[in-house]
Amino acid sequence: MNWEAMLAPYAQVIEELKVKLKGMRSQFDYESSHSPIEFVTGRVKPIPSILEKAENRQIPLEHVERDMQDIAGVRVVCQFVDDIYTIVNMLHTRNDLTIVGEKDYISEKKDSGYRSYHMIIEYPVETIKGIKMVIAEIQIRTLAMNFWATNEHSLNYKYKGNIPTEIKERLQRAGEAAFKLDEEMSKIKDEVQEARRIFHEKNK
């Protein structure tokens, strides 16, 4: 398989989505209103990770593009929980992508304590051979959720998915603490936004 050729459209999807999402953030800044987007990152899944996941899930390599939905991944990080749903609603109104699946791991967290909102999309990429529909995943989460998930990912990598019970329990408690932080910050959201607006105006 020519991996470079296969993955090129996925890299293009990530770059285009990052530009568009950052553009949405800039529009809020121009209007001096609260942006639900704090920052945006993206990545193409490394080839070894694709091969490992294909093996674990028994996906034939010729079906990887069809059956693996997170080869292209974009992450949108927000300040507040309700910002997540603002972004979800905004993405629903766009006509440059098609949403084919959604999972709300915020209202229904995973047993591990993981919280995030996942959207699976189809995105049209212009290639030299014409339009190619590429499947990508958009994860939307708060700063606190992102901090927790980044650490959980590192621990899963270290322990190859078998995190010791004591650490797993601490992770679960940390996940609850992170969500409690999100809930408390949501209660003073208006004050935080007003403070940021004043700071923004002062430093124009």
Protein backbone atom coordinates (compact mmCIF):
# COMPACT_ATOMS: atom_id res chain seq x y z
CA MET A 1 0.00 0.00 0.00
CA ASN A 2 1.22 3.49 -0.89
CA TRP A 3 0.68 5.06 2.53
CA GLU A 4 1.90 8.51 1.52
CA ALA A 5 -0.63 8.75 -1.30
CA MET A 6 -3.42 7.30 0.84
CA LEU A 7 -2.85 9.65 3.78
CA ALA A 8 -2.35 12.85 1.75
CA PRO A 9 -6.10 13.66 1.53
CA TYR A 10 -6.42 13.15 5.29
CA ALA A 11 -3.67 15.69 5.92
CA GLN A 12 -5.48 18.08 3.58
CA VAL A 13 -8.75 17.63 5.51
CA ILE A 14 -7.01 18.50 8.77
CA GLU A 15 -5.39 21.63 7.39
CA GLU A 16 -8.63 22.86 5.82
CA LEU A 17 -10.70 22.19 8.94
CA LYS A 18 -8.13 23.91 11.15
CA VAL A 19 -8.21 27.00 8.93
CA LYS A 20 -12.01 27.08 8.95
CA LEU A 21 -12.36 26.55 12.69
CA LYS A 22 -9.68 29.15 13.46
CA GLY A 23 -11.55 31.45 11.08
CA MET A 24 -14.69 30.99 13.18
CA ARG A 25 -12.70 31.96 16.27
CA SER A 26 -11.37 35.09 14.55
CA GLN A 27 -14.88 36.16 13.57
CA PHE A 28 -15.91 36.14 17.23
CA ASP A 29 -12.79 38.15 18.10
CA TYR A 30 -13.62 40.75 15.43
CA GLU A 31 -17.06 41.14 16.94
CA SER A 32 -15.55 41.44 20.45
CA SER A 33 -17.77 38.60 21.60
CA HIS A 34 -16.91 35.42 23.46
CA SER A 35 -15.41 32.78 21.18
CA PRO A 36 -16.45 29.22 22.03
CA ILE A 37 -13.15 28.05 20.51
CA GLU A 38 -10.02 28.34 22.66
CA PHE A 39 -7.68 26.50 20.27
CA VAL A 40 -7.67 23.88 17.51
CA THR A 41 -5.23 21.04 16.87
CA GLY A 42 -5.18 18.18 14.38
CA ARG A 43 -3.21 15.13 13.35
CA VAL A 44 -3.13 12.24 10.92
CA LYS A 45 -2.91 8.93 12.79
CA PRO A 46 0.65 7.55 12.44
CA ILE A 47 1.02 4.47 10.23
CA PRO A 48 2.10 2.17 13.13
CA SER A 49 -1.04 3.22 15.05
CA ILE A 50 -3.22 2.52 12.00
CA LEU A 51 -1.67 -0.93 11.62
CA GLU A 52 -2.04 -1.70 15.33
CA LYS A 53 -5.69 -0.61 15.41
CA ALA A 54 -6.44 -2.54 12.20
CA GLU A 55 -4.95 -5.66 13.75
CA ASN A 56 -6.77 -5.23 17.07
CA ARG A 57 -10.11 -4.65 15.38
CA GLN A 58 -9.48 -7.15 12.58
CA ILE A 59 -9.91 -4.56 9.84
CA PRO A 60 -8.38 -5.68 6.50
CA LEU A 61 -5.96 -3.04 5.20
CA GLU A 62 -8.03 -2.62 2.04
CA HIS A 63 -10.98 -1.56 4.26
CA VAL A 64 -9.06 0.83 6.52
CA GLU A 65 -10.35 3.97 4.81
CA ARG A 66 -13.93 2.76 5.08
CA ASP A 67 -13.88 1.27 8.58
CA MET A 68 -11.44 3.46 10.52
CA GLN A 69 -13.05 6.80 11.31
CA ASP A 70 -10.23 8.57 13.14
CA ILE A 71 -7.35 8.48 10.64
CA ALA A 72 -7.84 12.25 10.44
CA GLY A 73 -8.52 13.81 13.83
CA VAL A 74 -9.24 17.43 14.73
CA ARG A 75 -9.59 18.58 18.32
CA VAL A 76 -11.43 21.74 19.31
CA VAL A 77 -10.79 22.89 22.88
CA CYS A 78 -13.16 25.28 24.69
CA GLN A 79 -13.33 27.15 27.97
CA PHE A 80 -16.82 26.12 29.04
CA VAL A 81 -19.04 23.06 28.67
CA ASP A 82 -21.83 24.95 26.91
CA ASP A 83 -19.25 26.19 24.37
CA ILE A 84 -19.00 22.57 23.22
CA TYR A 85 -22.66 22.46 22.28
CA THR A 86 -22.41 25.89 20.62
CA ILE A 87 -19.72 24.47 18.33
CA VAL A 88 -21.74 21.29 17.71
CA ASN A 89 -24.73 23.39 16.65
CA MET A 90 -22.56 25.57 14.42
CA LEU A 91 -21.09 22.51 12.70
CA HIS A 92 -24.61 21.21 12.09
CA THR A 93 -25.39 24.33 10.07
CA ARG A 94 -22.35 24.09 7.77
CA ASN A 95 -22.82 22.91 4.19
CA ASP A 96 -19.15 22.13 3.51
CA LEU A 97 -19.22 18.87 5.50
CA THR A 98 -21.66 16.08 6.33
CA ILE A 99 -22.08 14.75 9.87
CA VAL A 100 -22.44 10.97 9.76
CA GLY A 101 -22.19 10.15 13.47
CA GLU A 102 -22.08 11.70 16.95
CA LYS A 103 -21.26 10.49 20.44
CA ASP A 104 -21.82 12.64 23.50
CA TYR A 105 -19.38 11.39 26.12
CA ILE A 106 -20.14 14.45 28.27
CA SER A 107 -23.72 13.66 29.21
CA GLU A 108 -22.81 9.95 29.16
CA LYS A 109 -19.16 9.70 30.18
CA LYS A 110 -17.11 6.56 29.63
CA ASP A 111 -16.48 4.28 32.62
CA SER A 112 -12.87 5.49 32.68
CA GLY A 113 -14.04 9.05 33.37
CA TYR A 114 -13.41 10.23 29.79
CA ARG A 115 -15.55 13.12 28.63
CA SER A 116 -15.64 14.67 25.16
CA TYR A 117 -18.03 15.22 22.25
CA HIS A 118 -17.16 13.25 19.11
CA MET A 119 -18.43 14.00 15.63
CA ILE A 120 -17.70 11.80 12.62
CA ILE A 121 -17.87 13.76 9.38
CA GLU A 122 -17.48 13.26 5.66
CA TYR A 123 -15.48 16.02 4.05
CA PRO A 124 -14.96 16.56 0.31
CA VAL A 125 -11.32 16.95 -0.69
CA GLU A 126 -10.26 18.24 -4.11
CA THR A 127 -7.61 15.88 -5.49
CA ILE A 128 -5.97 15.67 -8.91
CA LYS A 129 -8.33 12.77 -9.61
CA GLY A 130 -11.43 14.71 -8.56
CA ILE A 131 -13.48 14.94 -5.35
CA LYS A 132 -12.67 12.38 -2.66
CA MET A 133 -14.97 12.01 0.35
CA VAL A 134 -12.82 11.57 3.45
CA ILE A 135 -14.04 10.45 6.86
CA ALA A 136 -12.63 12.41 9.81
CA GLU A 137 -13.28 12.77 13.53
CA ILE A 138 -13.79 16.05 15.37
CA GLN A 139 -13.39 15.94 19.15
CA ILE A 140 -14.74 18.88 21.13
CA ARG A 141 -13.88 19.25 24.81
CA THR A 142 -13.03 21.75 27.54
CA LEU A 143 -9.53 22.59 28.72
CA ALA A 144 -10.10 20.48 31.86
CA MET A 145 -11.36 17.50 29.82
CA ASN A 146 -8.40 17.85 27.48
CA PHE A 147 -5.91 17.88 30.38
CA TRP A 148 -7.46 14.71 31.80
CA ALA A 149 -7.69 12.90 28.44
CA THR A 150 -4.08 13.74 27.51
CA ASN A 151 -2.82 12.18 30.73
CA GLU A 152 -5.09 9.14 30.39
CA HIS A 153 -3.81 8.60 26.85
CA SER A 154 -0.20 8.68 28.08
CA LEU A 155 -0.97 6.16 30.83
CA ASN A 156 -2.80 3.87 28.41
CA TYR A 157 0.24 3.98 26.15
CA LYS A 158 2.60 3.21 29.03
CA TYR A 159 0.54 0.30 30.35
CA LYS A 160 -0.64 -0.90 26.89
CA GLY A 161 -4.28 -0.36 27.82
CA ASN A 162 -4.03 -2.17 31.18
CA ILE A 163 -3.74 0.68 33.66
CA PRO A 164 -3.26 -0.62 37.25
CA THR A 165 -6.42 -0.52 39.37
CA GLU A 166 -5.12 2.07 41.84
CA ILE A 167 -4.13 4.47 39.07
CA LYS A 168 -7.39 3.82 37.22
CA GLU A 169 -9.36 4.73 40.34
CA ARG A 170 -7.32 7.91 40.79
CA LEU A 171 -7.99 8.76 37.14
CA GLN A 172 -11.71 8.32 37.66
CA ARG A 173 -11.63 10.62 40.69
CA ALA A 174 -9.55 13.13 38.74
CA GLY A 175 -12.10 12.98 35.91
CA GLU A 176 -14.89 13.85 38.37
CA ALA A 177 -12.78 16.67 39.82
CA ALA A 178 -12.13 18.04 36.31
CA PHE A 179 -15.85 18.01 35.53
CA LYS A 180 -16.62 19.67 38.87
CA LEU A 181 -14.17 22.40 37.89
CA ASP A 182 -16.02 22.82 34.58
CA GLU A 183 -19.35 23.07 36.42
CA GLU A 184 -18.04 25.67 38.88
CA MET A 185 -16.46 27.76 36.12
CA SER A 186 -19.72 27.65 34.16
CA LYS A 187 -21.43 29.34 37.12
CA ILE A 188 -19.12 32.36 36.81
CA LYS A 189 -18.93 32.27 33.01
CA ASP A 190 -20.47 35.74 32.58
CA GLU A 191 -17.93 37.27 34.96
CA VAL A 192 -15.02 35.55 33.20
CA GLN A 193 -16.23 36.65 29.76
CA GLU A 194 -16.67 40.24 30.92
CA ALA A 195 -13.16 40.25 32.39
CA ARG A 196 -11.72 38.90 29.13
CA ARG A 197 -13.67 41.46 27.10
CA ILE A 198 -12.28 44.32 29.23
CA PHE A 199 -8.76 42.93 28.86
CA HIS A 200 -9.23 42.54 25.10
CA GLU A 201 -10.49 46.11 24.70
CA LYS A 202 -7.65 47.50 26.81
CA ASN A 203 -4.99 45.71 24.79
CA LYS A 204 -6.24 46.43 21.27
